[in-house]
Amino acid sequence: MHPTRKAAVTAAALLVMATASGCESGAGATTSHRSSAKPGCPTALSRAKQAVKKAEALNAPWRGPTTGPKAVHGKSVVYIAQTLTNPGVAGVAQGVQEAAKIVGWQARTLNGQGTPDGLRAAFKRALRLKPDGIVISGFDPGTAAAEVKKANSEGIPLIGWHAAPAPGPSKDPKLFSNITSRVEDVAKISADWIIARSNGRAGVVLFTDASVPFAKRKSDLIKKELATCSGTKLLSYTNMPIPQVNRRSIGEVRSLLSRFGRKWTYSAAINDLYFQHAAPALRAAGKDGAGAPFNIGAGDGDPSAFQRVNGKEFQAATVPEPLSEQGWQIIDEFNRAFSGAPDSGYVAPVHIATAANSGGALSWDSEGYRQAYREIWGD
């Protein structure tokens, strides 16, 4: 059993007891905040509750690849991070470093500093290093189109993390694979959690980064799913680029509280980072960390997000990417590229982590991924 699962099982048992007493999943001390009115969307609510129950399931056995080429040796990869202040990007970078050591590769991380100029400069530096592979992490490859083209012409395989709208290989831009959960699944389950938890009655603020096509598509899909429930009202669709979240959050949150007051009962954001910086403004306004607005991050499930969720500090749920696991997958995909094999085709399952099912963990990954990859690589 995964080391965090034992504690999670205990939490699950308590949850079952609470359910038997008439409480819903995730209710706890905040049940009184739920609407007692009839749901505004009975059909959508029933479907949302079923989807959320499945996504909150505790066990996640490895369903990824179990076969593939043995590890080639002596390779080098460069990981270009959109910004290392993005905990999701940083978490995957750590996974890449860990897996690279297992196969005896050199892995280097370059920080794009969250700006187009910084990303292009980092990509130029990566090309000068003459690596065997380059990771495009958390940014649109079009930002460095000339550098991407040069890498393609030099035969350097490119792998993206959240760099394209869909998982798997990409022709334009040319990527051997793009590692991500399915954005449709993440967006849908995030909106369904709001619909289910609010009993179909919610006033929602949605935060996005419209400068990243992947992020903008995710938030558009959240908006679309929220609209399936007539009792769920989108109060604001707020664009705040991730590199600006630190300095803009307090002002934006204050403005939203002034405009909507108690009508603002739920929030969703394309990244957990938004709630890290929204928390001070909500606290200053006298809000209860375990109360409304109830916030869900539609990625990435970094340790600080789990801390907020577990501590009920202005974030009630996260839809985590298995960050370390995806770092290992990047190394495996490179190994396939170097060996002339096709990509693995693996896409991680969607999951919702709450204080009730996390077991106090600070991350979420499928069980057994390290062992599976090591067996594939022959290490």
Protein backbone atom coordinates (compact mmCIF):
# COMPACT_ATOMS: atom_id res chain seq x y z
CA MET A 1 0.00 0.00 0.00
CA HIS A 2 1.21 3.52 -0.79
CA PRO A 3 2.69 5.09 2.38
CA THR A 4 -0.03 7.70 2.54
CA ARG A 5 -2.87 5.33 1.80
CA LYS A 6 -3.07 3.81 5.30
CA ALA A 7 -3.90 7.19 6.79
CA ALA A 8 -6.25 7.82 3.89
CA VAL A 9 -8.13 4.61 4.58
CA THR A 10 -8.73 5.77 8.15
CA ALA A 11 -10.00 9.07 6.81
CA ALA A 12 -12.25 7.18 4.43
CA ALA A 13 -13.72 5.16 7.30
CA LEU A 14 -14.55 8.33 9.17
CA LEU A 15 -16.09 9.68 6.00
CA VAL A 16 -18.35 6.66 5.70
CA MET A 17 -19.51 7.19 9.29
CA ALA A 18 -20.27 10.81 8.53
CA THR A 19 -22.22 9.82 5.44
CA ALA A 20 -24.28 7.35 7.44
CA SER A 21 -25.19 10.24 9.73
CA GLY A 22 -26.52 12.29 6.83
CA CYS A 23 -23.42 14.29 5.88
CA GLU A 24 -22.03 14.57 2.35
CA SER A 25 -18.43 13.94 1.36
CA GLY A 26 -16.23 16.82 2.41
CA ALA A 27 -18.89 18.38 4.61
CA GLY A 28 -17.47 18.32 8.12
CA ALA A 29 -17.91 21.57 9.99
CA THR A 30 -18.99 23.41 6.86
CA THR A 31 -22.23 21.51 6.19
CA SER A 32 -24.25 24.50 7.32
CA HIS A 33 -22.84 26.49 4.43
CA ARG A 34 -24.50 24.20 1.91
CA SER A 35 -27.73 25.36 0.34
CA SER A 36 -30.83 23.70 1.81
CA ALA A 37 -32.86 24.86 -1.17
CA LYS A 38 -33.87 22.44 -3.89
CA PRO A 39 -31.05 21.99 -6.41
CA GLY A 40 -31.26 24.14 -9.50
CA CYS A 41 -30.24 21.27 -11.78
CA PRO A 42 -31.33 17.82 -10.56
CA THR A 43 -30.01 15.88 -13.57
CA ALA A 44 -26.66 17.70 -13.75
CA LEU A 45 -26.31 17.45 -9.96
CA SER A 46 -26.85 13.69 -9.93
CA ARG A 47 -24.28 13.20 -12.69
CA ALA A 48 -21.79 15.53 -10.98
CA LYS A 49 -22.07 13.70 -7.67
CA GLN A 50 -21.38 10.35 -9.34
CA ALA A 51 -18.33 11.75 -11.15
CA VAL A 52 -16.95 13.35 -8.00
CA LYS A 53 -17.40 10.16 -5.97
CA LYS A 54 -15.37 8.25 -8.56
CA ALA A 55 -12.63 10.91 -8.72
CA GLU A 56 -12.28 10.98 -4.94
CA ALA A 57 -11.62 7.20 -4.82
CA LEU A 58 -8.54 6.55 -2.72
CA ASN A 59 -6.76 3.73 -4.53
CA ALA A 60 -4.90 4.49 -7.75
CA PRO A 61 -2.93 1.43 -8.84
CA TRP A 62 -0.44 1.93 -11.64
CA ARG A 63 -2.13 1.66 -15.02
CA GLY A 64 0.72 3.09 -17.03
CA PRO A 65 3.26 1.31 -19.23
CA THR A 66 4.86 -1.92 -18.03
CA THR A 67 6.94 -2.59 -21.15
CA GLY A 68 9.31 -0.53 -23.21
CA PRO A 69 12.94 -0.19 -24.28
CA LYS A 70 15.75 -0.72 -21.80
CA ALA A 71 17.48 2.46 -20.68
CA VAL A 72 20.07 3.89 -23.03
CA HIS A 73 23.01 5.49 -21.24
CA GLY A 74 25.00 8.69 -21.37
CA LYS A 75 22.18 11.01 -22.44
CA SER A 76 21.53 14.60 -21.38
CA VAL A 77 18.27 16.56 -21.20
CA VAL A 78 17.46 20.18 -20.47
CA TYR A 79 14.24 21.12 -18.69
CA ILE A 80 13.05 24.63 -19.56
CA ALA A 81 10.68 25.82 -16.82
CA GLN A 82 8.15 28.55 -17.52
CA THR A 83 8.95 29.80 -14.03
CA LEU A 84 10.17 27.95 -10.98
CA THR A 85 7.76 30.00 -8.86
CA ASN A 86 5.05 27.78 -10.39
CA PRO A 87 5.08 24.84 -7.93
CA GLY A 88 3.68 22.43 -10.52
CA VAL A 89 6.49 23.18 -12.98
CA ALA A 90 9.02 22.90 -10.15
CA GLY A 91 7.55 19.60 -8.95
CA VAL A 92 7.86 17.99 -12.38
CA ALA A 93 11.44 19.29 -12.62
CA GLN A 94 12.27 17.42 -9.42
CA GLY A 95 10.76 14.24 -10.84
CA VAL A 96 12.86 14.61 -13.99
CA GLN A 97 16.02 15.05 -11.92
CA GLU A 98 15.20 12.00 -9.79
CA ALA A 99 14.47 9.72 -12.75
CA ALA A 100 17.48 10.95 -14.75
CA LYS A 101 19.77 9.85 -11.93
CA ILE A 102 18.28 6.36 -12.04
CA VAL A 103 19.19 5.94 -15.73
CA GLY A 104 22.51 7.75 -15.41
CA TRP A 105 21.60 10.81 -17.46
CA GLN A 106 22.53 14.44 -16.95
CA ALA A 107 19.47 16.65 -16.39
CA ARG A 108 19.68 20.42 -16.19
CA THR A 109 16.89 22.88 -15.32
CA LEU A 110 16.73 26.38 -16.82
CA ASN A 111 14.33 29.01 -15.47
CA GLY A 112 12.41 31.02 -18.08
CA GLN A 113 11.43 33.56 -15.39
CA GLY A 114 7.84 33.66 -16.64
CA THR A 115 8.45 36.15 -19.47
CA PRO A 116 8.64 35.67 -23.26
CA ASP A 117 12.16 37.13 -23.34
CA GLY A 118 13.24 34.92 -20.46
CA LEU A 119 11.81 31.80 -22.10
CA ARG A 120 13.49 32.53 -25.42
CA ALA A 121 16.79 33.20 -23.68
CA ALA A 122 16.51 29.94 -21.74
CA PHE A 123 15.71 28.02 -24.94
CA LYS A 124 18.71 29.56 -26.74
CA ARG A 125 20.91 28.53 -23.84
CA ALA A 126 19.47 25.02 -23.93
CA LEU A 127 20.34 24.72 -27.62
CA ARG A 128 23.90 25.88 -26.95
CA LEU A 129 24.26 23.04 -24.44
CA LYS A 130 23.67 20.53 -27.27
CA PRO A 131 21.45 18.19 -25.20
CA ASP A 132 19.92 14.97 -26.46
CA GLY A 133 16.44 16.18 -25.48
CA ILE A 134 14.64 19.33 -24.31
CA VAL A 135 11.54 19.67 -22.10
CA ILE A 136 9.14 22.56 -22.70
CA SER A 137 7.42 22.92 -19.34
CA GLY A 138 4.35 25.04 -18.67
CA PHE A 139 4.51 27.44 -21.60
CA ASP A 140 3.30 27.76 -25.17
CA PRO A 141 6.01 26.55 -27.58
CA GLY A 142 4.93 29.37 -29.89
CA THR A 143 6.61 31.76 -27.47
CA ALA A 144 9.95 30.42 -28.71
CA ALA A 145 8.90 29.36 -32.21
CA ALA A 146 12.29 29.98 -33.82
CA GLU A 147 14.07 27.97 -31.13
CA VAL A 148 11.57 25.12 -31.42
CA LYS A 149 12.13 25.05 -35.17
CA LYS A 150 15.91 24.96 -34.67
CA ALA A 151 15.63 22.06 -32.22
CA ASN A 152 13.44 20.19 -34.71
CA SER A 153 15.92 20.81 -37.54
CA GLU A 154 18.77 19.55 -35.37
CA GLY A 155 16.88 16.37 -34.54
CA ILE A 156 16.55 17.12 -30.81
CA PRO A 157 13.40 15.46 -29.46
CA LEU A 158 11.09 17.86 -27.62
CA ILE A 159 8.72 16.78 -24.87
CA GLY A 160 6.17 19.14 -23.40
CA TRP A 161 4.56 19.33 -20.00
CA HIS A 162 1.31 21.31 -20.25
CA ALA A 163 2.75 22.72 -23.47
CA ALA A 164 -0.08 21.72 -25.83
CA PRO A 165 -3.86 21.33 -25.50
CA ALA A 166 -3.83 17.53 -25.53
CA PRO A 167 -1.64 14.70 -24.23
CA GLY A 168 0.55 12.69 -26.57
CA PRO A 169 2.49 13.54 -29.75
CA SER A 170 2.00 16.86 -31.48
CA LYS A 171 2.71 17.78 -35.10
CA ASP A 172 2.42 21.55 -34.71
CA PRO A 173 4.43 22.28 -32.66
CA LYS A 174 6.46 19.13 -33.26
CA LEU A 175 6.64 17.34 -29.90
CA PHE A 176 7.48 13.68 -29.34
CA SER A 177 4.87 13.82 -26.60
CA ASN A 178 3.05 16.29 -24.37
CA ILE A 179 2.65 15.08 -20.78
CA THR A 180 -0.55 16.13 -19.08
CA SER A 181 -3.79 14.76 -17.80
CA ARG A 182 -6.68 15.36 -20.19
CA VAL A 183 -7.66 18.98 -19.78
CA GLU A 184 -11.29 18.08 -20.54
CA ASP A 185 -11.35 15.67 -17.59
CA VAL A 186 -9.67 18.09 -15.16
CA ALA A 187 -11.95 20.97 -16.13
CA LYS A 188 -15.10 18.90 -15.98
CA ILE A 189 -14.39 17.35 -12.59
CA SER A 190 -13.44 20.74 -11.10
CA ALA A 191 -16.77 22.20 -12.16
CA ASP A 192 -18.62 19.05 -11.11
CA TRP A 193 -17.10 19.32 -7.63
CA ILE A 194 -18.58 22.81 -7.29
CA ILE A 195 -21.96 21.67 -8.57
CA ALA A 196 -21.98 18.61 -6.28
CA ARG A 197 -20.68 20.29 -3.16
CA SER A 198 -23.01 23.28 -3.45
CA ASN A 199 -26.01 21.08 -4.20
CA GLY A 200 -26.39 22.94 -7.47
CA ARG A 201 -26.44 26.42 -5.90
CA ALA A 202 -23.19 28.37 -6.23
CA GLY A 203 -21.86 31.82 -7.06
CA VAL A 204 -18.52 31.18 -8.73
CA VAL A 205 -15.38 33.18 -9.46
CA LEU A 206 -13.12 31.59 -12.07
CA PHE A 207 -9.42 32.51 -12.34
CA THR A 208 -7.38 31.87 -15.49
CA ASP A 209 -4.19 32.74 -17.36
CA ALA A 210 -5.31 33.66 -20.86
CA SER A 211 -1.69 34.04 -22.03
CA VAL A 212 -1.27 30.24 -21.98
CA PRO A 213 -3.57 28.49 -24.50
CA PHE A 214 -3.64 25.31 -22.39
CA ALA A 215 -4.77 27.26 -19.31
CA LYS A 216 -7.31 29.33 -21.22
CA ARG A 217 -8.84 26.21 -22.73
CA LYS A 218 -9.06 24.62 -19.28
CA SER A 219 -10.93 27.59 -17.82
CA ASP A 220 -13.23 27.82 -20.84
CA LEU A 221 -14.13 24.16 -20.29
CA ILE A 222 -14.77 24.78 -16.57
CA LYS A 223 -17.07 27.63 -17.55
CA LYS A 224 -18.89 25.39 -20.02
CA GLU A 225 -19.44 22.63 -17.44
CA LEU A 226 -20.64 25.07 -14.78
CA ALA A 227 -23.25 26.26 -17.27
CA THR A 228 -24.85 22.80 -17.30
CA CYS A 229 -26.33 23.66 -13.90
CA SER A 230 -28.83 26.52 -13.98
CA GLY A 231 -28.38 27.15 -10.26
CA THR A 232 -24.63 27.72 -10.63
CA LYS A 233 -23.86 31.33 -11.53
CA LEU A 234 -20.51 32.50 -12.89
CA LEU A 235 -19.97 35.83 -11.14
CA SER A 236 -16.57 36.67 -12.64
CA TYR A 237 -14.13 35.22 -15.17
CA THR A 238 -10.88 36.82 -14.04
CA ASN A 239 -7.72 36.78 -16.16
CA MET A 240 -4.54 36.90 -14.07
CA PRO A 241 -1.37 35.57 -15.76
CA ILE A 242 0.51 33.22 -13.43
CA PRO A 243 3.68 35.38 -13.27
CA GLN A 244 1.48 38.30 -12.08
CA VAL A 245 -0.53 36.40 -9.45
CA ASN A 246 1.79 37.34 -6.60
CA ARG A 247 1.38 41.10 -7.04
CA ARG A 248 -2.19 41.23 -8.33
CA SER A 249 -4.07 38.74 -6.14
CA ILE A 250 -4.73 40.91 -3.11
CA GLY A 251 -6.17 43.75 -5.17
CA GLU A 252 -8.28 41.44 -7.32
CA VAL A 253 -9.69 39.56 -4.34
CA ARG A 254 -10.55 42.78 -2.53
CA SER A 255 -12.36 44.00 -5.63
CA LEU A 256 -14.28 40.74 -6.00
CA LEU A 257 -15.33 40.80 -2.34
CA SER A 258 -16.50 44.38 -2.74
CA ARG A 259 -18.52 43.55 -5.87
CA PHE A 260 -20.08 40.24 -4.85
CA GLY A 261 -19.89 39.93 -1.06
CA ARG A 262 -21.64 36.79 0.18
CA LYS A 263 -22.78 35.88 -3.33
CA TRP A 264 -19.24 34.65 -3.92
CA THR A 265 -19.43 31.13 -2.47
CA TYR A 266 -17.07 29.09 -4.68
CA SER A 267 -13.92 29.60 -6.74
CA ALA A 268 -12.04 27.59 -9.33
CA ALA A 269 -8.61 28.37 -10.72
CA ILE A 270 -6.50 26.78 -13.43
CA ASN A 271 -3.65 26.47 -10.91
CA ASP A 272 -3.49 26.11 -7.11
CA LEU A 273 -1.06 29.02 -6.98
CA TYR A 274 -3.95 31.49 -7.16
CA PHE A 275 -5.22 30.48 -3.74
CA GLN A 276 -1.80 30.73 -2.15
CA HIS A 277 -1.87 34.44 -2.90
CA ALA A 278 -5.63 34.96 -2.45
CA ALA A 279 -5.51 33.64 1.11
CA PRO A 280 -4.06 36.81 2.73
CA ALA A 281 -6.81 38.99 1.24
CA LEU A 282 -9.54 36.56 2.28
CA ARG A 283 -8.07 36.35 5.78
CA ALA A 284 -7.83 40.14 6.02
CA ALA A 285 -11.50 40.37 5.05
CA GLY A 286 -12.38 38.18 8.03
CA LYS A 287 -13.17 35.08 6.01
CA ASP A 288 -12.94 31.64 7.62
CA GLY A 289 -10.33 29.42 5.98
CA ALA A 290 -12.75 26.49 6.19
CA GLY A 291 -15.71 28.52 4.94
CA ALA A 292 -16.92 30.25 1.79
CA PRO A 293 -15.67 30.88 -0.76
CA PHE A 294 -14.80 27.19 -1.11
CA ASN A 295 -11.90 26.98 -3.52
CA ILE A 296 -10.76 24.23 -5.89
CA GLY A 297 -7.55 24.27 -7.88
CA ALA A 298 -7.80 22.61 -11.28
CA GLY A 299 -4.08 21.71 -11.08
CA ASP A 300 -1.37 21.19 -10.14
CA GLY A 301 -1.54 19.67 -6.65
CA ASP A 302 1.80 20.87 -5.32
CA PRO A 303 2.74 20.38 -1.63
CA SER A 304 1.63 23.89 -0.61
CA ALA A 305 -1.81 23.21 -2.13
CA PHE A 306 -2.10 20.00 -0.14
CA GLN A 307 -1.11 21.91 3.01
CA ARG A 308 -3.93 24.40 2.44
CA VAL A 309 -6.41 21.63 1.67
CA ASN A 310 -5.41 19.49 4.65
CA GLY A 311 -5.43 22.50 6.97
CA LYS A 312 -8.67 23.91 5.52
CA GLU A 313 -6.92 27.20 4.84
CA PHE A 314 -8.78 28.87 1.96
CA GLN A 315 -8.63 25.84 -0.32
CA ALA A 316 -11.06 22.94 -0.05
CA ALA A 317 -9.87 20.74 -2.92
CA THR A 318 -7.31 20.26 -5.64
CA VAL A 319 -7.29 18.22 -8.84
CA PRO A 320 -3.64 17.22 -8.64
CA GLU A 321 -1.33 16.23 -11.40
CA PRO A 322 0.97 13.40 -10.32
CA LEU A 323 3.94 15.75 -10.58
CA SER A 324 6.81 13.45 -9.64
CA GLU A 325 5.28 10.61 -11.65
CA GLN A 326 5.04 12.84 -14.70
CA GLY A 327 8.71 13.77 -14.32
CA TRP A 328 9.52 10.06 -14.48
CA GLN A 329 7.23 9.69 -17.48
CA ILE A 330 9.15 12.44 -19.29
CA ILE A 331 12.39 10.49 -18.86
CA ASP A 332 10.67 7.30 -20.06
CA GLU A 333 9.28 9.08 -23.13
CA PHE A 334 12.75 10.43 -23.96
CA ASN A 335 14.15 6.91 -23.62
CA ARG A 336 11.55 5.72 -26.12
CA ALA A 337 12.45 8.56 -28.47
CA PHE A 338 16.17 7.81 -28.22
CA SER A 339 15.45 4.11 -28.87
CA GLY A 340 13.32 4.74 -31.95
CA ALA A 341 10.16 3.53 -30.19
CA PRO A 342 6.77 5.29 -30.23
CA ASP A 343 5.51 7.23 -27.23
CA SER A 344 3.86 5.26 -24.41
CA GLY A 345 0.40 6.79 -24.88
CA TYR A 346 -0.10 6.94 -21.12
CA VAL A 347 -2.34 9.61 -19.58
CA ALA A 348 -2.69 9.88 -15.80
CA PRO A 349 -6.21 9.47 -14.34
CA VAL A 350 -8.14 12.41 -12.91
CA HIS A 351 -8.35 12.66 -9.12
CA ILE A 352 -9.79 15.03 -6.50
CA ALA A 353 -7.89 15.46 -3.23
CA THR A 354 -9.63 16.85 -0.14
CA ALA A 355 -8.87 16.86 3.57
CA ALA A 356 -11.17 13.85 3.87
CA ASN A 357 -9.26 11.59 1.48
CA SER A 358 -5.66 12.84 1.34
CA GLY A 359 -4.58 11.11 4.54
CA GLY A 360 -2.35 14.10 5.28
CA ALA A 361 -0.27 13.53 2.13
CA LEU A 362 1.45 16.42 0.37
CA SER A 363 1.27 14.93 -3.12
CA TRP A 364 -0.63 12.44 -5.19
CA ASP A 365 0.81 9.87 -7.57
CA SER A 366 -0.28 6.48 -8.82
CA GLU A 367 0.91 3.56 -6.73
CA GLY A 368 4.00 1.73 -7.98
CA TYR A 369 5.12 4.02 -10.80
CA ARG A 370 8.77 4.09 -9.71
CA GLN A 371 9.03 0.32 -9.60
CA ALA A 372 7.25 -0.02 -12.95
CA TYR A 373 9.60 2.37 -14.72
CA ARG A 374 12.70 0.85 -13.14
CA GLU A 375 11.63 -2.58 -14.34
CA ILE A 376 11.11 -1.21 -17.86
CA TRP A 377 14.54 0.47 -17.86
CA GLY A 378 16.29 -2.57 -16.39
CA ASP A 379 17.57 -0.73 -13.29
